[in-house]
Amino acid sequence: MSLIERGQLGHVTVGTLRRVGTALQIEIRLELRWRGGELFRLLAEGHAAMGETVTRRLVESGWEVRPEVSFSHFGERGVVDLVAWHGASRSLLLVELKTELVDLGDLLATMDRRRRLATVIAEGLGWSPATVASWVVLTDTRTNRRRVANHAAVLRAAFPTDGRSMPAWLRKPDRAIAGLSFLPYPAEARSGTRPGTARRVARGRGERFRRPDPAN
């Protein structure tokens, strides 16, 4: 604690910083920079392009969308990439966009926290949901597919709805779901090096968002 207070972080491990942050309810984030911020720029552009694509898809399916929604409730705080509302069915959808799946435990904890606080998040937007759904959208890269395959059992338990089922549900949200899908790497962010190598997928109406069979 003394080293941190004096700014001598060179002698403090990342694990120690995170433990102190947890005790103080402070989120510790590490930001990687490469070639003058090029890596950050590419990741940010990829994330923004994903947000544009998914938002467009939601709006076309009859949803009202709010991007980058922050929340804070008794020390639990965060930002939801997209919060969507389907007025006819009073369905709330919490969307997490990821260009790269790095920490599975963090993803599961983050989505669980958002589901628990969904009513609080919705109230801040003037909505009163009858059902709450969650959707994780991953960029379609070989790395992400490999990581999903390596943790297939856990991810299927946490997000049983796959990409093939999402289009129909988005058009008619009749129940609470937890889904995980792949999104082809956005064309808007394809200039220059990108995180991972994109794998081509079918572009049919029901295939744009899908999850692979880990056995393949």
Protein backbone atom coordinates (compact mmCIF):
# COMPACT_ATOMS: atom_id res chain seq x y z
CA MET A 1 0.00 0.00 0.00
CA SER A 2 2.84 2.38 0.82
CA LEU A 3 4.50 1.76 -2.57
CA ILE A 4 1.21 2.39 -4.39
CA GLU A 5 0.52 5.58 -2.44
CA ARG A 6 4.00 6.87 -3.33
CA GLY A 7 3.55 6.00 -7.00
CA GLN A 8 6.32 3.38 -7.02
CA LEU A 9 4.37 0.92 -9.13
CA GLY A 10 7.48 -0.62 -10.64
CA HIS A 11 7.83 -2.66 -7.45
CA VAL A 12 4.19 -3.79 -7.33
CA THR A 13 2.83 -6.84 -9.17
CA VAL A 14 -0.33 -6.72 -11.26
CA GLY A 15 -1.89 -9.27 -8.91
CA THR A 16 -1.28 -6.99 -5.93
CA LEU A 17 -2.77 -4.01 -7.76
CA ARG A 18 -5.89 -6.00 -8.57
CA ARG A 19 -6.30 -7.23 -4.99
CA VAL A 20 -5.99 -3.68 -3.67
CA GLY A 21 -8.44 -2.45 -6.31
CA THR A 22 -10.94 -5.17 -5.38
CA ALA A 23 -10.71 -4.23 -1.69
CA LEU A 24 -11.30 -0.57 -2.55
CA GLN A 25 -13.97 -1.35 -5.20
CA ILE A 26 -11.74 0.13 -7.90
CA GLU A 27 -11.51 -1.48 -11.34
CA ILE A 28 -7.88 -1.92 -12.47
CA ARG A 29 -7.35 -1.95 -16.24
CA LEU A 30 -4.14 -2.40 -18.20
CA GLU A 31 -3.94 -0.64 -21.56
CA LEU A 32 -1.55 -2.06 -24.17
CA ARG A 33 0.08 0.35 -26.63
CA TRP A 34 1.91 -0.70 -29.77
CA ARG A 35 3.52 1.51 -32.42
CA GLY A 36 2.26 4.76 -31.01
CA GLY A 37 -1.16 3.46 -30.05
CA GLU A 38 -1.82 1.54 -33.27
CA LEU A 39 -3.00 -1.58 -31.45
CA PHE A 40 -5.44 0.43 -29.32
CA ARG A 41 -6.70 2.27 -32.40
CA LEU A 42 -7.31 -0.96 -34.31
CA LEU A 43 -9.10 -2.61 -31.40
CA ALA A 44 -11.20 0.50 -30.80
CA GLU A 45 -12.12 0.71 -34.47
CA GLY A 46 -13.04 -2.97 -34.53
CA HIS A 47 -15.19 -2.59 -31.43
CA ALA A 48 -16.90 0.51 -32.82
CA ALA A 49 -17.59 -1.24 -36.12
CA MET A 50 -19.09 -4.20 -34.25
CA GLY A 51 -21.32 -1.81 -32.33
CA GLU A 52 -22.52 -0.21 -35.55
CA THR A 53 -23.32 -3.57 -37.17
CA VAL A 54 -25.13 -5.04 -34.16
CA THR A 55 -27.04 -1.81 -33.48
CA ARG A 56 -28.23 -1.74 -37.08
CA ARG A 57 -29.35 -5.35 -36.79
CA LEU A 58 -31.27 -4.63 -33.57
CA VAL A 59 -32.98 -1.52 -34.95
CA GLU A 60 -34.03 -3.42 -38.08
CA SER A 61 -35.60 -6.05 -35.81
CA GLY A 62 -37.66 -3.46 -33.92
CA TRP A 63 -35.42 -2.66 -30.93
CA GLU A 64 -34.57 0.68 -29.36
CA VAL A 65 -30.83 0.81 -28.59
CA ARG A 66 -28.72 2.76 -26.12
CA PRO A 67 -24.91 2.48 -26.48
CA GLU A 68 -22.33 2.66 -23.67
CA VAL A 69 -24.76 2.68 -20.75
CA SER A 70 -23.05 3.14 -17.38
CA PHE A 71 -24.44 1.96 -14.04
CA SER A 72 -23.49 2.11 -10.38
CA HIS A 73 -25.31 0.32 -7.58
CA PHE A 74 -23.91 -0.07 -4.06
CA GLY A 75 -20.32 -0.32 -5.26
CA GLU A 76 -21.07 -2.44 -8.33
CA ARG A 77 -20.43 -0.41 -11.43
CA GLY A 78 -19.67 -0.80 -15.08
CA VAL A 79 -20.60 0.06 -18.65
CA VAL A 80 -22.79 -2.03 -20.95
CA ASP A 81 -21.80 -1.87 -24.62
CA LEU A 82 -25.40 -1.90 -25.86
CA VAL A 83 -28.69 -1.92 -23.96
CA ALA A 84 -31.70 -2.69 -26.16
CA TRP A 85 -35.43 -2.41 -25.46
CA HIS A 86 -38.30 -4.16 -27.25
CA GLY A 87 -41.36 -2.19 -26.18
CA ALA A 88 -44.03 -4.57 -27.49
CA SER A 89 -42.77 -7.46 -25.36
CA ARG A 90 -41.09 -5.35 -22.64
CA SER A 91 -37.87 -7.26 -23.23
CA LEU A 92 -34.50 -5.90 -22.14
CA LEU A 93 -31.36 -7.09 -23.90
CA LEU A 94 -27.85 -6.54 -22.54
CA VAL A 95 -25.20 -6.86 -25.26
CA GLU A 96 -21.47 -7.40 -24.73
CA LEU A 97 -19.20 -6.87 -27.76
CA LYS A 98 -15.76 -8.45 -27.77
CA THR A 99 -13.11 -8.28 -30.45
CA GLU A 100 -11.13 -10.87 -28.48
CA LEU A 101 -12.10 -13.36 -25.79
CA VAL A 102 -9.29 -13.19 -23.24
CA ASP A 103 -10.60 -13.82 -19.73
CA LEU A 104 -13.50 -16.28 -19.57
CA GLY A 105 -13.99 -15.82 -15.83
CA ASP A 106 -14.23 -12.05 -16.21
CA LEU A 107 -16.79 -12.42 -19.01
CA LEU A 108 -19.00 -14.73 -16.94
CA ALA A 109 -18.76 -12.52 -13.85
CA THR A 110 -19.49 -9.38 -15.88
CA MET A 111 -22.59 -10.84 -17.53
CA ASP A 112 -23.86 -12.23 -14.23
CA ARG A 113 -23.48 -8.83 -12.57
CA ARG A 114 -25.36 -7.12 -15.38
CA ARG A 115 -28.22 -9.63 -15.24
CA ARG A 116 -28.53 -9.13 -11.49
CA LEU A 117 -28.60 -5.36 -11.93
CA ALA A 118 -30.73 -5.37 -15.08
CA THR A 119 -33.70 -3.76 -13.35
CA VAL A 120 -31.50 -0.94 -12.05
CA ILE A 121 -29.99 -0.42 -15.50
CA ALA A 122 -33.44 -0.39 -17.11
CA GLU A 123 -34.91 2.02 -14.57
CA GLY A 124 -32.19 4.53 -15.39
CA LEU A 125 -33.47 4.51 -18.97
CA GLY A 126 -37.14 4.70 -18.05
CA TRP A 127 -37.91 1.06 -18.86
CA SER A 128 -39.64 -1.64 -16.79
CA PRO A 129 -38.73 -5.04 -18.29
CA ALA A 130 -40.83 -8.18 -18.06
CA THR A 131 -37.88 -10.31 -19.22
CA VAL A 132 -34.12 -9.81 -19.31
CA ALA A 133 -31.85 -11.36 -21.93
CA SER A 134 -28.11 -11.22 -22.54
CA TRP A 135 -26.09 -11.57 -25.72
CA VAL A 136 -22.33 -11.89 -26.15
CA VAL A 137 -21.07 -11.12 -29.66
CA LEU A 138 -17.51 -12.14 -30.55
CA THR A 139 -15.50 -11.16 -33.60
CA ASP A 140 -15.19 -14.22 -35.84
CA THR A 141 -11.48 -15.05 -35.68
CA ARG A 142 -9.64 -18.36 -35.42
CA THR A 143 -8.36 -17.35 -31.99
CA ASN A 144 -11.82 -16.64 -30.64
CA ARG A 145 -13.24 -19.83 -32.14
CA ARG A 146 -10.43 -21.86 -30.60
CA ARG A 147 -11.01 -20.33 -27.17
CA VAL A 148 -14.75 -20.95 -27.40
CA ALA A 149 -14.09 -24.56 -28.40
CA ASN A 150 -11.67 -24.99 -25.48
CA HIS A 151 -14.38 -23.86 -23.04
CA ALA A 152 -17.40 -25.23 -24.89
CA ALA A 153 -19.09 -26.91 -21.90
CA VAL A 154 -18.91 -23.83 -19.67
CA LEU A 155 -19.98 -21.43 -22.41
CA ARG A 156 -22.91 -23.62 -23.46
CA ALA A 157 -24.09 -23.72 -19.85
CA ALA A 158 -23.80 -19.94 -19.51
CA PHE A 159 -25.05 -19.02 -23.02
CA PRO A 160 -27.21 -21.87 -24.35
CA THR A 161 -28.70 -19.90 -27.26
CA ASP A 162 -26.47 -20.02 -30.35
CA GLY A 163 -26.19 -17.69 -33.32
CA ARG A 164 -28.59 -19.63 -35.54
CA SER A 165 -31.41 -18.97 -33.07
CA MET A 166 -30.73 -15.28 -32.56
CA PRO A 167 -32.32 -13.77 -35.72
CA ALA A 168 -35.74 -15.31 -35.03
CA TRP A 169 -35.58 -14.35 -31.36
CA LEU A 170 -34.63 -10.76 -32.17
CA ARG A 171 -37.69 -10.45 -34.40
CA LYS A 172 -39.95 -12.01 -31.74
CA PRO A 173 -38.45 -11.98 -28.23
CA ASP A 174 -40.82 -14.34 -26.42
CA ARG A 175 -38.60 -15.46 -23.52
CA ALA A 176 -35.45 -14.65 -21.60
CA ILE A 177 -32.34 -16.00 -23.32
CA ALA A 178 -28.57 -15.94 -22.94
CA GLY A 179 -26.83 -16.13 -26.29
CA LEU A 180 -23.35 -16.19 -27.77
CA SER A 181 -22.66 -15.49 -31.45
CA PHE A 182 -19.84 -14.79 -33.86
CA LEU A 183 -19.80 -11.70 -36.06
CA PRO A 184 -17.64 -11.61 -39.21
CA TYR A 185 -14.84 -9.08 -38.80
CA PRO A 186 -16.37 -5.68 -39.67
CA ALA A 187 -15.39 -4.39 -43.11
CA GLU A 188 -15.06 -0.89 -41.66
CA ALA A 189 -12.10 -2.00 -39.53
CA ARG A 190 -10.25 -4.16 -42.05
CA SER A 191 -7.58 -1.65 -42.99
CA GLY A 192 -4.20 -2.62 -41.57
CA THR A 193 -3.39 -5.42 -39.16
CA ARG A 194 -6.33 -6.82 -37.23
CA PRO A 195 -6.57 -8.89 -34.02
CA GLY A 196 -6.55 -12.48 -35.22
CA THR A 197 -7.32 -13.88 -38.64
CA ALA A 198 -10.94 -13.77 -39.71
CA ARG A 199 -12.56 -16.96 -40.91
CA ARG A 200 -15.10 -16.79 -43.68
CA VAL A 201 -18.63 -17.77 -42.75
CA ALA A 202 -21.88 -18.08 -44.66
CA ARG A 203 -23.61 -14.74 -45.15
CA GLY A 204 -27.17 -16.07 -45.34
CA ARG A 205 -29.88 -14.43 -43.27
CA GLY A 206 -29.74 -17.03 -40.51
CA GLU A 207 -25.98 -17.55 -40.54
CA ARG A 208 -24.47 -14.12 -39.89
CA PHE A 209 -24.43 -14.69 -36.13
CA ARG A 210 -23.55 -18.27 -35.26
CA ARG A 211 -21.54 -20.43 -32.92
CA PRO A 212 -19.39 -23.33 -34.14
CA ASP A 213 -19.70 -26.96 -33.16
CA PRO A 214 -16.61 -27.47 -30.95
CA ALA A 215 -16.29 -31.00 -32.32
CA ASN A 216 -15.40 -29.59 -35.76
